[in-house]
Amino acid sequence: MLRITDARTGEPTDATPARRGLTRVEAHVPRPDTTGLRVLLVADVLVRALEISGTPVWTVLTGTEGRAELRARATALGIRPFEDERDSGSGLGEAQVLRVCAPESGAADSAGVDDGAGRDETASGLRVEVAPADADSGVADDDERASALRLALLACPRREPLRLDEAALTDAEYTLRRWRGAVATWATRPSGPIPDPVRQQLRAAWEDDLDVPAVLAVLRKVETSGTVPDGARFETYAYADRLLGLELTRDIGRETLA
């Protein structure tokens, strides 16, 4: 079961209640900057993790200036749409609320914050904190390199401040090209199931406070493993990509079609 460290208490807590029901994931993004994009990306991956476990999720975007700009950048990054808070209403009977936000966000105010719809944002639910992110000029603005930006943002633990430069983005591009090429090759080999230890390592990583860097570390080990057959490597990467959203299977069949 996915457990998240509640930033208000510092305690790991089940992301879904014992009574399985609708979970609302709120991304609190005051500005469409790199930090805001990182917050929304973490919320996107959190939603994916919940959906993999079979949890019904309602996604909401709150507190944003420059919403159109943020949505355009999020779409390029492969982040699925979040519903506008002002259009979402209330009273759907969610069993859990997860609020994803940066440390300076008003949602952290222990005294309580009105979210604009008459609800106290800190009255209930878990707070998922995402550290600030910054980027050198032009690094975060090139839609042609959006997948590499997604990987570069995911590669750093979400509670650690992040500064993206050209070297980090170039390294992420290289990794993506290598992995997509490998996945396309493995897809031509006889299929094989994901080894149970590998599946357990992946699930243990993302269910432990959404530790995406640990998920990436498992993929690196599988890539160079001398014991995992190619068909099983393919299934492993395709499975992990349900969480990562990096389009790792994108290049399958491209050389054949060419």
Protein backbone atom coordinates (compact mmCIF):
# COMPACT_ATOMS: atom_id res chain seq x y z
CA MET A 1 0.00 0.00 0.00
CA LEU A 2 1.23 3.49 -0.87
CA ARG A 3 2.38 5.42 2.18
CA ILE A 4 3.09 9.15 2.07
CA THR A 5 4.92 11.25 4.63
CA ASP A 6 2.50 13.95 5.78
CA ALA A 7 4.55 17.18 5.71
CA ARG A 8 2.53 18.58 8.62
CA THR A 9 3.38 15.74 11.02
CA GLY A 10 6.44 14.11 9.47
CA GLU A 11 4.73 10.74 9.87
CA PRO A 12 4.26 8.17 7.09
CA THR A 13 0.54 7.65 6.49
CA ASP A 14 -1.52 5.42 4.22
CA ALA A 15 -2.37 7.39 1.08
CA THR A 16 -5.69 5.56 0.83
CA PRO A 17 -8.03 4.93 3.75
CA ALA A 18 -8.93 1.48 4.99
CA ARG A 19 -12.36 2.11 3.52
CA ARG A 20 -11.47 2.14 -0.17
CA GLY A 21 -13.17 5.11 -1.81
CA LEU A 22 -12.65 8.19 -3.93
CA THR A 23 -9.37 10.02 -3.27
CA ARG A 24 -9.05 13.69 -4.21
CA VAL A 25 -5.58 14.82 -5.31
CA GLU A 26 -5.22 18.61 -5.22
CA ALA A 27 -2.23 20.25 -6.89
CA HIS A 28 -1.72 23.68 -5.33
CA VAL A 29 0.26 25.69 -7.91
CA PRO A 30 0.43 29.44 -7.25
CA ARG A 31 2.54 30.25 -10.34
CA PRO A 32 3.38 28.59 -13.69
CA ASP A 33 7.11 28.51 -12.96
CA THR A 34 9.46 25.51 -12.73
CA THR A 35 8.48 24.88 -9.10
CA GLY A 36 4.81 24.91 -10.07
CA LEU A 37 5.51 22.50 -12.90
CA ARG A 38 7.35 20.19 -10.50
CA VAL A 39 4.43 20.25 -8.07
CA LEU A 40 1.98 19.35 -10.83
CA LEU A 41 4.28 16.57 -12.08
CA VAL A 42 4.53 15.01 -8.61
CA ALA A 43 0.73 15.18 -8.38
CA ASP A 44 0.48 13.46 -11.77
CA VAL A 45 2.77 10.60 -10.67
CA LEU A 46 0.89 10.32 -7.37
CA VAL A 47 -2.35 9.90 -9.31
CA ARG A 48 -0.75 7.21 -11.48
CA ALA A 49 0.43 5.30 -8.40
CA LEU A 50 -3.05 5.42 -6.87
CA GLU A 51 -4.66 4.26 -10.12
CA ILE A 52 -2.25 1.33 -10.45
CA SER A 53 -3.43 0.16 -7.03
CA GLY A 54 -7.07 0.44 -8.16
CA THR A 55 -7.93 3.61 -6.23
CA PRO A 56 -10.50 5.92 -7.88
CA VAL A 57 -9.05 9.44 -8.10
CA TRP A 58 -10.48 12.93 -8.60
CA THR A 59 -7.82 15.48 -9.62
CA VAL A 60 -8.10 19.20 -8.90
CA LEU A 61 -5.85 22.19 -9.71
CA THR A 62 -5.97 25.10 -7.25
CA GLY A 63 -4.38 28.48 -6.65
CA THR A 64 -2.89 29.10 -10.07
CA GLU A 65 -1.98 32.36 -11.78
CA GLY A 66 -1.25 31.99 -15.47
CA ARG A 67 -3.33 28.85 -15.66
CA ALA A 68 -3.32 28.68 -19.47
CA GLU A 69 0.49 28.84 -19.55
CA LEU A 70 0.76 26.15 -16.88
CA ARG A 71 -1.65 23.85 -18.71
CA ALA A 72 0.27 24.25 -21.98
CA ARG A 73 3.58 23.40 -20.30
CA ALA A 74 1.98 20.50 -18.42
CA THR A 75 0.54 19.03 -21.61
CA ALA A 76 3.96 19.11 -23.26
CA LEU A 77 5.35 17.29 -20.22
CA GLY A 78 2.78 14.50 -20.50
CA ILE A 79 0.86 15.56 -17.38
CA ARG A 80 -2.76 14.58 -17.65
CA PRO A 81 -5.36 17.34 -17.17
CA PHE A 82 -6.44 18.37 -13.68
CA GLU A 83 -9.89 19.83 -13.19
CA ASP A 84 -10.14 23.53 -12.34
CA GLU A 85 -11.01 23.89 -8.67
CA ARG A 86 -13.59 26.57 -9.37
CA ASP A 87 -15.43 24.18 -11.68
CA SER A 88 -15.10 21.05 -9.58
CA GLY A 89 -17.67 21.70 -6.89
CA SER A 90 -17.69 19.64 -3.72
CA GLY A 91 -19.60 16.96 -1.93
CA LEU A 92 -18.51 13.97 -3.99
CA GLY A 93 -17.86 12.07 -0.78
CA GLU A 94 -14.13 11.53 -1.16
CA ALA A 95 -12.61 9.25 1.47
CA GLN A 96 -9.17 10.87 1.37
CA VAL A 97 -7.62 14.18 0.30
CA LEU A 98 -3.95 14.55 -0.76
CA ARG A 99 -2.72 18.12 -1.21
CA VAL A 100 0.48 18.49 -3.24
CA CYS A 101 2.23 21.83 -2.85
CA ALA A 102 5.52 23.64 -2.41
CA PRO A 103 6.81 24.51 1.12
CA GLU A 104 5.92 28.20 0.84
CA SER A 105 2.39 27.42 -0.30
CA GLY A 106 -0.43 28.89 1.75
CA ALA A 107 -1.84 25.38 2.09
CA ALA A 108 0.80 24.82 4.77
CA ASP A 109 -0.71 27.37 7.13
CA SER A 110 -1.56 25.37 10.21
CA ALA A 111 -4.22 27.90 11.08
CA GLY A 112 -6.19 26.94 8.00
CA VAL A 113 -6.60 28.52 4.58
CA ASP A 114 -9.77 29.16 2.64
CA ASP A 115 -9.31 27.58 -0.78
CA GLY A 116 -11.71 29.99 -2.48
CA ALA A 117 -14.68 27.64 -2.30
CA GLY A 118 -15.39 28.04 1.39
CA ARG A 119 -13.33 25.02 2.49
CA ASP A 120 -10.44 25.01 4.92
CA GLU A 121 -7.51 23.52 2.97
CA THR A 122 -5.84 22.15 6.09
CA ALA A 123 -8.90 20.83 7.87
CA SER A 124 -8.25 17.28 6.68
CA GLY A 125 -6.13 15.20 4.39
CA LEU A 126 -2.42 14.73 3.84
CA ARG A 127 0.07 17.35 2.70
CA VAL A 128 2.59 16.13 0.10
CA GLU A 129 5.45 18.62 0.01
CA VAL A 130 7.57 19.32 -3.08
CA ALA A 131 10.80 21.34 -2.82
CA PRO A 132 11.41 24.33 -5.10
CA ALA A 133 12.90 23.86 -8.54
CA ASP A 134 14.71 26.29 -10.78
CA ALA A 135 16.22 26.03 -14.25
CA ASP A 136 18.83 27.82 -16.30
CA SER A 137 17.48 30.07 -19.02
CA GLY A 138 15.78 28.08 -21.78
CA VAL A 139 16.25 24.67 -20.15
CA ALA A 140 12.62 24.26 -19.07
CA ASP A 141 11.00 25.98 -22.04
CA ASP A 142 11.82 23.72 -25.00
CA ASP A 143 8.80 21.54 -25.83
CA GLU A 144 10.98 19.36 -28.07
CA ARG A 145 12.87 18.25 -24.96
CA ALA A 146 9.83 17.93 -22.69
CA SER A 147 10.24 14.19 -22.07
CA ALA A 148 13.83 14.75 -21.00
CA LEU A 149 12.67 17.54 -18.67
CA ARG A 150 10.11 15.18 -17.16
CA LEU A 151 12.82 12.59 -16.48
CA ALA A 152 15.22 15.20 -15.07
CA LEU A 153 12.54 16.45 -12.68
CA LEU A 154 11.62 12.92 -11.59
CA ALA A 155 15.23 11.88 -11.02
CA CYS A 156 15.63 14.13 -7.97
CA PRO A 157 13.87 13.28 -4.67
CA ARG A 158 10.86 15.55 -4.48
CA ARG A 159 11.78 17.02 -1.08
CA GLU A 160 15.23 18.13 -2.28
CA PRO A 161 15.62 21.54 -3.98
CA LEU A 162 16.50 21.15 -7.63
CA ARG A 163 18.48 23.30 -10.05
CA LEU A 164 18.28 22.13 -13.67
CA ASP A 165 21.04 23.03 -16.08
CA GLU A 166 21.87 22.07 -19.65
CA ALA A 167 24.07 19.17 -18.53
CA ALA A 168 21.24 17.57 -16.53
CA LEU A 169 18.83 17.88 -19.44
CA THR A 170 21.35 16.46 -21.91
CA ASP A 171 22.00 13.51 -19.61
CA ALA A 172 18.24 12.86 -19.35
CA GLU A 173 17.92 13.00 -23.15
CA TYR A 174 20.69 10.44 -23.52
CA THR A 175 19.07 8.11 -20.97
CA LEU A 176 15.69 8.35 -22.69
CA ARG A 177 17.13 7.60 -26.13
CA ARG A 178 19.01 4.62 -24.74
CA TRP A 179 16.03 3.22 -22.86
CA ARG A 180 13.56 3.72 -25.70
CA GLY A 181 15.96 2.08 -28.13
CA ALA A 182 16.50 -0.84 -25.78
CA VAL A 183 12.76 -1.27 -25.17
CA ALA A 184 12.14 -1.31 -28.93
CA THR A 185 14.76 -4.07 -29.30
CA TRP A 186 13.49 -6.08 -26.32
CA ALA A 187 9.97 -5.94 -27.78
CA THR A 188 11.16 -8.14 -30.67
CA ARG A 189 12.31 -10.89 -28.29
CA PRO A 190 10.15 -13.70 -26.84
CA SER A 191 7.91 -12.30 -24.12
CA GLY A 192 8.58 -13.11 -20.49
CA PRO A 193 6.97 -12.17 -17.17
CA ILE A 194 8.43 -9.56 -14.86
CA PRO A 195 10.56 -11.44 -12.29
CA ASP A 196 8.79 -11.37 -8.93
CA PRO A 197 11.77 -9.77 -7.11
CA VAL A 198 11.90 -6.96 -9.70
CA ARG A 199 8.16 -6.31 -9.47
CA GLN A 200 8.43 -6.24 -5.68
CA GLN A 201 11.35 -3.79 -5.83
CA LEU A 202 9.41 -1.44 -8.11
CA ARG A 203 6.30 -1.51 -5.96
CA ALA A 204 8.32 -1.16 -2.75
CA ALA A 205 10.04 1.91 -4.19
CA TRP A 206 7.00 3.89 -5.27
CA GLU A 207 4.86 2.77 -2.34
CA ASP A 208 7.55 4.10 0.03
CA ASP A 209 6.63 7.79 -0.04
CA LEU A 210 6.52 7.84 -3.86
CA ASP A 211 10.27 7.28 -4.20
CA VAL A 212 10.58 7.73 -7.98
CA PRO A 213 14.42 7.93 -8.00
CA ALA A 214 14.43 4.43 -6.46
CA VAL A 215 12.14 3.24 -9.28
CA LEU A 216 14.61 4.62 -11.81
CA ALA A 217 17.44 2.85 -9.98
CA VAL A 218 15.61 -0.47 -10.37
CA LEU A 219 15.30 0.13 -14.11
CA ARG A 220 19.03 0.83 -14.36
CA LYS A 221 19.78 -2.46 -12.63
CA VAL A 222 17.42 -4.36 -14.94
CA GLU A 223 19.00 -2.70 -17.98
CA THR A 224 22.41 -4.19 -17.21
CA SER A 225 21.27 -7.41 -15.52
CA GLY A 226 22.81 -10.59 -16.83
CA THR A 227 19.92 -12.72 -15.55
CA VAL A 228 16.74 -10.93 -16.71
CA PRO A 229 15.72 -12.06 -20.23
CA ASP A 230 15.07 -9.37 -22.82
CA GLY A 231 11.35 -10.13 -22.97
CA ALA A 232 11.10 -9.68 -19.21
CA ARG A 233 13.08 -6.43 -19.44
CA PHE A 234 10.49 -5.15 -21.89
CA GLU A 235 7.61 -6.03 -19.58
CA THR A 236 9.44 -4.42 -16.64
CA TYR A 237 9.96 -1.12 -18.43
CA ALA A 238 6.42 -1.06 -19.81
CA TYR A 239 5.04 -1.70 -16.31
CA ALA A 240 7.18 0.98 -14.65
CA ASP A 241 6.20 3.46 -17.34
CA ARG A 242 2.61 3.31 -16.16
CA LEU A 243 3.96 5.29 -13.21
CA LEU A 244 6.70 7.33 -14.90
CA GLY A 245 4.84 8.45 -18.03
CA LEU A 246 8.07 8.67 -20.08
CA GLU A 247 6.72 6.95 -23.23
CA LEU A 248 9.39 4.27 -22.96
CA THR A 249 7.60 2.10 -25.56
CA ARG A 250 7.30 4.96 -28.06
CA ASP A 251 9.90 3.69 -30.52
CA ILE A 252 8.59 0.14 -30.86
CA GLY A 253 8.28 -0.72 -34.57
CA ARG A 254 9.68 2.57 -35.82
CA GLU A 255 12.73 1.02 -37.49
CA THR A 256 10.57 -1.69 -39.04
CA LEU A 257 8.13 0.84 -40.45
CA ALA A 258 10.99 2.94 -41.80
